[in-house]
Amino acid sequence: MIKNSLFFLFVISVSSTVQAQRFDITTDIGQIRYHEASSTLSTSWKQKIWFGLKGPDNFPTNCPKYNDEHLIGVPSGNSEAVSMLLTAKTAGLKVLVTIDDTVKLGSYCRLQYLTIK
């Protein structure tokens, strides 16, 4: 009985300290980078893409920045998202990017939703 009670208290204490937060960020697209499939540089990023967000107000602190842009990772196989990113960047349109700061691609926050505004 004591063992079960201690386990329950442990689970409650851990679950209360880990809280995901959803971020809905409207901003401009910065740089977009694709890592080629046979690249010998950044091998963990092969066939993946990341893009930068220019100056969003509400960005999680546990997601990295590069050249003053907040970075979002896009796993391979998301050609629709890539097409939308390129369209928005080319047309100079803002995007609404939704992320969960606990869902990562490497150390980058991973794209959850993408909307062209």
N, C-alpha and C. Protein backbone atom coordinates (compact mmCIF):
# COMPACT_ATOMS: atom_id res chain seq x y z
N MET A 1 0.82 -1.19 0.00
CA MET A 1 0.00 0.00 0.00
C MET A 1 0.87 1.26 0.00
N ILE A 2 1.90 1.27 0.82
CA ILE A 2 2.79 2.43 0.89
C ILE A 2 3.52 2.60 -0.44
N LYS A 3 3.91 1.49 -1.05
CA LYS A 3 4.61 1.54 -2.33
C LYS A 3 3.71 2.19 -3.39
N ASN A 4 2.44 1.79 -3.44
CA ASN A 4 1.50 2.38 -4.40
C ASN A 4 1.29 3.87 -4.14
N SER A 5 1.21 4.25 -2.86
CA SER A 5 1.02 5.66 -2.51
C SER A 5 2.22 6.49 -2.93
N LEU A 6 3.42 5.98 -2.71
CA LEU A 6 4.62 6.70 -3.12
C LEU A 6 4.69 6.84 -4.63
N PHE A 7 4.35 5.78 -5.35
CA PHE A 7 4.34 5.85 -6.81
C PHE A 7 3.34 6.89 -7.29
N PHE A 8 2.16 6.92 -6.71
CA PHE A 8 1.13 7.90 -7.08
C PHE A 8 1.64 9.32 -6.83
N LEU A 9 2.26 9.56 -5.69
CA LEU A 9 2.80 10.89 -5.40
C LEU A 9 3.90 11.28 -6.38
N PHE A 10 4.73 10.32 -6.75
CA PHE A 10 5.78 10.58 -7.73
C PHE A 10 5.18 10.99 -9.07
N VAL A 11 4.21 10.24 -9.54
CA VAL A 11 3.56 10.53 -10.83
C VAL A 11 2.91 11.91 -10.80
N ILE A 12 2.22 12.23 -9.72
CA ILE A 12 1.58 13.54 -9.60
C ILE A 12 2.61 14.66 -9.60
N SER A 13 3.71 14.49 -8.90
CA SER A 13 4.73 15.55 -8.83
C SER A 13 5.42 15.75 -10.18
N VAL A 14 5.70 14.67 -10.90
CA VAL A 14 6.34 14.79 -12.20
C VAL A 14 5.38 15.41 -13.21
N SER A 15 4.15 14.97 -13.25
CA SER A 15 3.22 15.48 -14.24
C SER A 15 2.88 16.94 -14.00
N SER A 16 2.97 17.42 -12.78
CA SER A 16 2.66 18.81 -12.52
C SER A 16 3.80 19.74 -12.91
N THR A 17 5.03 19.21 -13.05
CA THR A 17 6.16 20.06 -13.42
C THR A 17 6.38 20.10 -14.93
N VAL A 18 5.86 19.16 -15.67
CA VAL A 18 6.02 19.12 -17.11
C VAL A 18 4.72 19.59 -17.75
N GLN A 19 4.74 20.80 -18.26
CA GLN A 19 3.54 21.35 -18.87
C GLN A 19 3.89 21.88 -20.25
N ALA A 20 3.24 21.31 -21.24
CA ALA A 20 3.43 21.79 -22.60
C ALA A 20 2.67 23.10 -22.76
N GLN A 21 3.20 23.95 -23.60
CA GLN A 21 2.51 25.19 -23.89
C GLN A 21 2.40 25.34 -25.40
N ARG A 22 1.21 25.69 -25.84
CA ARG A 22 0.97 25.94 -27.26
C ARG A 22 1.25 27.41 -27.54
N PHE A 23 1.94 27.63 -28.65
CA PHE A 23 2.24 28.98 -29.10
C PHE A 23 1.67 29.17 -30.50
N ASP A 24 0.88 30.19 -30.70
CA ASP A 24 0.36 30.59 -32.01
C ASP A 24 1.05 31.91 -32.35
N ILE A 25 1.92 31.86 -33.36
CA ILE A 25 2.80 32.98 -33.67
C ILE A 25 2.53 33.48 -35.08
N THR A 26 2.16 34.74 -35.20
CA THR A 26 1.96 35.35 -36.51
C THR A 26 3.14 36.27 -36.80
N THR A 27 3.82 36.01 -37.90
CA THR A 27 5.02 36.78 -38.23
C THR A 27 5.43 36.53 -39.68
N ASP A 28 6.58 37.08 -40.06
CA ASP A 28 7.14 36.87 -41.39
C ASP A 28 8.13 35.72 -41.36
N ILE A 29 8.27 35.06 -42.50
CA ILE A 29 9.23 33.98 -42.67
C ILE A 29 10.60 34.57 -42.94
N GLY A 30 11.60 34.07 -42.27
CA GLY A 30 12.98 34.48 -42.52
C GLY A 30 13.64 33.51 -43.48
N GLN A 31 14.78 32.98 -43.07
CA GLN A 31 15.50 32.05 -43.93
C GLN A 31 14.88 30.66 -43.87
N ILE A 32 15.05 29.91 -44.94
CA ILE A 32 14.57 28.53 -45.04
C ILE A 32 15.77 27.69 -45.46
N ARG A 33 16.03 26.60 -44.71
CA ARG A 33 17.19 25.77 -45.02
C ARG A 33 16.77 24.31 -45.17
N TYR A 34 17.25 23.70 -46.26
CA TYR A 34 17.05 22.28 -46.51
C TYR A 34 18.41 21.59 -46.41
N HIS A 35 18.45 20.44 -45.76
CA HIS A 35 19.68 19.65 -45.65
C HIS A 35 19.57 18.48 -46.63
N GLU A 36 20.40 18.48 -47.61
CA GLU A 36 20.39 17.49 -48.70
C GLU A 36 20.57 16.08 -48.16
N ALA A 37 19.98 15.11 -48.85
CA ALA A 37 19.92 13.73 -48.37
C ALA A 37 21.28 13.07 -48.17
N SER A 38 22.26 13.37 -49.01
CA SER A 38 23.57 12.72 -48.87
C SER A 38 24.62 13.65 -48.28
N SER A 39 24.20 14.74 -47.69
CA SER A 39 25.12 15.71 -47.11
C SER A 39 25.95 15.08 -45.98
N THR A 40 27.21 15.48 -45.93
CA THR A 40 28.08 15.02 -44.84
C THR A 40 28.10 16.04 -43.70
N LEU A 41 27.45 17.17 -43.89
CA LEU A 41 27.34 18.20 -42.86
C LEU A 41 25.99 18.05 -42.16
N SER A 42 25.97 18.19 -40.88
CA SER A 42 24.71 18.08 -40.10
C SER A 42 23.94 16.83 -40.47
N THR A 43 24.58 15.69 -40.32
CA THR A 43 23.99 14.43 -40.79
C THR A 43 22.67 14.09 -40.10
N SER A 44 22.44 14.56 -38.90
CA SER A 44 21.16 14.28 -38.24
C SER A 44 20.01 15.06 -38.87
N TRP A 45 20.31 16.03 -39.72
CA TRP A 45 19.28 16.84 -40.37
C TRP A 45 19.05 16.44 -41.82
N LYS A 46 19.62 15.34 -42.27
CA LYS A 46 19.44 14.93 -43.67
C LYS A 46 17.96 14.89 -44.04
N GLN A 47 17.63 15.51 -45.15
CA GLN A 47 16.27 15.58 -45.73
C GLN A 47 15.27 16.31 -44.83
N LYS A 48 15.77 17.11 -43.94
CA LYS A 48 14.88 17.89 -43.08
C LYS A 48 15.05 19.37 -43.40
N ILE A 49 14.09 20.15 -42.98
CA ILE A 49 14.09 21.58 -43.24
C ILE A 49 13.88 22.33 -41.94
N TRP A 50 14.49 23.47 -41.82
CA TRP A 50 14.13 24.39 -40.76
C TRP A 50 13.93 25.76 -41.38
N PHE A 51 13.13 26.56 -40.70
CA PHE A 51 12.93 27.92 -41.16
C PHE A 51 12.93 28.86 -39.96
N GLY A 52 13.20 30.12 -40.26
CA GLY A 52 13.27 31.13 -39.21
C GLY A 52 12.06 32.03 -39.21
N LEU A 53 11.69 32.47 -38.02
CA LEU A 53 10.61 33.44 -37.86
C LEU A 53 11.24 34.77 -37.46
N LYS A 54 10.84 35.83 -38.13
CA LYS A 54 11.41 37.16 -37.88
C LYS A 54 10.65 37.86 -36.75
N GLY A 55 11.33 38.04 -35.63
CA GLY A 55 10.84 38.87 -34.55
C GLY A 55 9.48 38.60 -33.94
N PRO A 56 9.11 37.35 -33.68
CA PRO A 56 7.82 37.14 -33.03
C PRO A 56 7.85 37.61 -31.58
N ASP A 57 6.69 38.03 -31.09
CA ASP A 57 6.60 38.52 -29.71
C ASP A 57 6.56 37.40 -28.69
N ASN A 58 5.86 36.33 -29.00
CA ASN A 58 5.61 35.27 -28.01
C ASN A 58 6.26 33.96 -28.42
N PHE A 59 7.54 33.86 -28.27
CA PHE A 59 8.25 32.65 -28.67
C PHE A 59 8.84 31.98 -27.44
N PRO A 60 8.76 30.65 -27.37
CA PRO A 60 9.29 29.96 -26.18
C PRO A 60 10.80 30.10 -26.07
N THR A 61 11.26 30.23 -24.85
CA THR A 61 12.69 30.41 -24.61
C THR A 61 13.48 29.13 -24.78
N ASN A 62 12.81 27.97 -24.81
CA ASN A 62 13.54 26.70 -24.94
C ASN A 62 13.66 26.23 -26.39
N CYS A 63 13.43 27.12 -27.34
CA CYS A 63 13.64 26.83 -28.76
C CYS A 63 14.73 27.78 -29.26
N PRO A 64 15.66 27.30 -30.09
CA PRO A 64 16.85 28.08 -30.42
C PRO A 64 16.60 29.23 -31.40
N LYS A 65 17.60 30.11 -31.45
CA LYS A 65 17.64 31.21 -32.41
C LYS A 65 18.91 31.06 -33.24
N TYR A 66 18.86 31.60 -34.46
CA TYR A 66 20.01 31.63 -35.34
C TYR A 66 19.90 32.90 -36.17
N ASN A 67 20.92 33.72 -36.17
CA ASN A 67 20.90 35.01 -36.88
C ASN A 67 19.66 35.84 -36.53
N ASP A 68 19.34 35.90 -35.26
CA ASP A 68 18.20 36.67 -34.74
C ASP A 68 16.84 36.19 -35.24
N GLU A 69 16.76 34.96 -35.68
CA GLU A 69 15.47 34.38 -36.07
C GLU A 69 15.19 33.16 -35.20
N HIS A 70 13.95 33.00 -34.82
CA HIS A 70 13.53 31.85 -34.03
C HIS A 70 13.30 30.69 -35.00
N LEU A 71 13.80 29.50 -34.64
CA LEU A 71 13.83 28.38 -35.58
C LEU A 71 12.74 27.35 -35.33
N ILE A 72 12.18 26.86 -36.43
CA ILE A 72 11.15 25.83 -36.41
C ILE A 72 11.61 24.70 -37.31
N GLY A 73 11.55 23.46 -36.82
CA GLY A 73 11.94 22.30 -37.60
C GLY A 73 10.76 21.67 -38.32
N VAL A 74 11.02 21.18 -39.53
CA VAL A 74 10.02 20.50 -40.34
C VAL A 74 10.60 19.14 -40.73
N PRO A 75 9.99 18.03 -40.28
CA PRO A 75 10.51 16.71 -40.64
C PRO A 75 10.39 16.44 -42.14
N SER A 76 11.17 15.49 -42.61
CA SER A 76 11.09 15.12 -44.02
C SER A 76 9.69 14.58 -44.34
N GLY A 77 9.30 14.72 -45.60
CA GLY A 77 8.00 14.23 -46.04
C GLY A 77 6.88 15.23 -45.89
N ASN A 78 7.20 16.48 -45.65
CA ASN A 78 6.18 17.52 -45.49
C ASN A 78 6.25 18.53 -46.63
N SER A 79 6.13 18.05 -47.84
CA SER A 79 6.27 18.93 -49.01
C SER A 79 5.18 20.00 -49.06
N GLU A 80 4.00 19.71 -48.53
CA GLU A 80 2.93 20.71 -48.51
C GLU A 80 3.33 21.91 -47.66
N ALA A 81 3.91 21.64 -46.49
CA ALA A 81 4.35 22.72 -45.61
C ALA A 81 5.46 23.53 -46.27
N VAL A 82 6.37 22.86 -46.94
CA VAL A 82 7.47 23.55 -47.62
C VAL A 82 6.92 24.44 -48.73
N SER A 83 5.97 23.92 -49.50
CA SER A 83 5.34 24.73 -50.56
C SER A 83 4.66 25.97 -49.98
N MET A 84 3.98 25.79 -48.85
CA MET A 84 3.32 26.92 -48.21
C MET A 84 4.34 27.95 -47.72
N LEU A 85 5.44 27.48 -47.14
CA LEU A 85 6.49 28.39 -46.68
C LEU A 85 7.07 29.21 -47.82
N LEU A 86 7.38 28.52 -48.92
CA LEU A 86 7.95 29.21 -50.08
C LEU A 86 6.97 30.20 -50.67
N THR A 87 5.70 29.83 -50.74
CA THR A 87 4.67 30.73 -51.26
C THR A 87 4.57 31.98 -50.39
N ALA A 88 4.49 31.79 -49.09
CA ALA A 88 4.37 32.93 -48.17
C ALA A 88 5.59 33.84 -48.25
N LYS A 89 6.78 33.24 -48.29
CA LYS A 89 8.00 34.04 -48.34
C LYS A 89 8.08 34.82 -49.65
N THR A 90 7.80 34.17 -50.76
CA THR A 90 7.87 34.81 -52.07
C THR A 90 6.86 35.95 -52.19
N ALA A 91 5.66 35.75 -51.66
CA ALA A 91 4.60 36.75 -51.76
C ALA A 91 4.67 37.80 -50.65
N GLY A 92 5.58 37.61 -49.69
CA GLY A 92 5.69 38.56 -48.59
C GLY A 92 4.51 38.52 -47.64
N LEU A 93 3.90 37.34 -47.50
CA LEU A 93 2.74 37.18 -46.62
C LEU A 93 3.15 36.72 -45.23
N LYS A 94 2.40 37.11 -44.25
CA LYS A 94 2.62 36.63 -42.89
C LYS A 94 2.06 35.22 -42.76
N VAL A 95 2.61 34.47 -41.83
CA VAL A 95 2.11 33.13 -41.53
C VAL A 95 1.75 33.04 -40.06
N LEU A 96 0.84 32.15 -39.77
CA LEU A 96 0.53 31.77 -38.39
C LEU A 96 1.15 30.40 -38.19
N VAL A 97 2.12 30.33 -37.30
CA VAL A 97 2.83 29.09 -37.01
C VAL A 97 2.40 28.65 -35.61
N THR A 98 2.00 27.39 -35.49
CA THR A 98 1.63 26.85 -34.19
C THR A 98 2.64 25.79 -33.80
N ILE A 99 3.15 25.92 -32.58
CA ILE A 99 4.09 24.94 -32.04
C ILE A 99 3.70 24.59 -30.62
N ASP A 100 4.20 23.47 -30.17
CA ASP A 100 4.11 23.03 -28.78
C ASP A 100 5.56 22.98 -28.31
N ASP A 101 5.89 23.73 -27.29
CA ASP A 101 7.30 23.86 -26.91
C ASP A 101 7.93 22.59 -26.35
N THR A 102 7.17 21.52 -26.20
CA THR A 102 7.74 20.25 -25.74
C THR A 102 7.93 19.26 -26.89
N VAL A 103 7.43 19.58 -28.07
CA VAL A 103 7.57 18.69 -29.23
C VAL A 103 8.72 19.24 -30.08
N LYS A 104 9.79 18.46 -30.18
CA LYS A 104 11.02 18.95 -30.81
C LYS A 104 11.43 18.11 -32.01
N LEU A 105 12.21 18.73 -32.87
CA LEU A 105 12.93 18.06 -33.95
C LEU A 105 14.39 18.43 -33.70
N GLY A 106 15.12 17.52 -33.10
CA GLY A 106 16.43 17.88 -32.56
C GLY A 106 16.19 18.82 -31.39
N SER A 107 16.83 19.97 -31.40
CA SER A 107 16.59 20.96 -30.35
C SER A 107 15.58 22.02 -30.79
N TYR A 108 15.14 21.94 -32.04
CA TYR A 108 14.22 22.94 -32.59
C TYR A 108 12.79 22.59 -32.24
N CYS A 109 11.97 23.61 -32.03
CA CYS A 109 10.54 23.36 -31.88
C CYS A 109 10.02 22.86 -33.22
N ARG A 110 9.15 21.87 -33.17
CA ARG A 110 8.65 21.22 -34.39
C ARG A 110 7.32 21.84 -34.82
N LEU A 111 7.22 22.10 -36.10
CA LEU A 111 6.00 22.67 -36.67
C LEU A 111 4.80 21.77 -36.39
N GLN A 112 3.72 22.37 -35.91
CA GLN A 112 2.47 21.64 -35.70
C GLN A 112 1.41 22.05 -36.72
N TYR A 113 1.26 23.36 -36.92
CA TYR A 113 0.31 23.92 -37.90
C TYR A 113 0.98 25.07 -38.62
N LEU A 114 0.58 25.27 -39.87
CA LEU A 114 1.05 26.40 -40.64
C LEU A 114 -0.13 26.97 -41.41
N THR A 115 -0.36 28.27 -41.26
CA THR A 115 -1.45 28.97 -41.94
C THR A 115 -0.89 30.19 -42.62
N ILE A 116 -1.21 30.40 -43.88
CA ILE A 116 -0.83 31.63 -44.57
C ILE A 116 -1.93 32.64 -44.29
N LYS A 117 -1.53 33.82 -43.82
CA LYS A 117 -2.50 34.87 -43.46
C LYS A 117 -2.86 35.71 -44.67
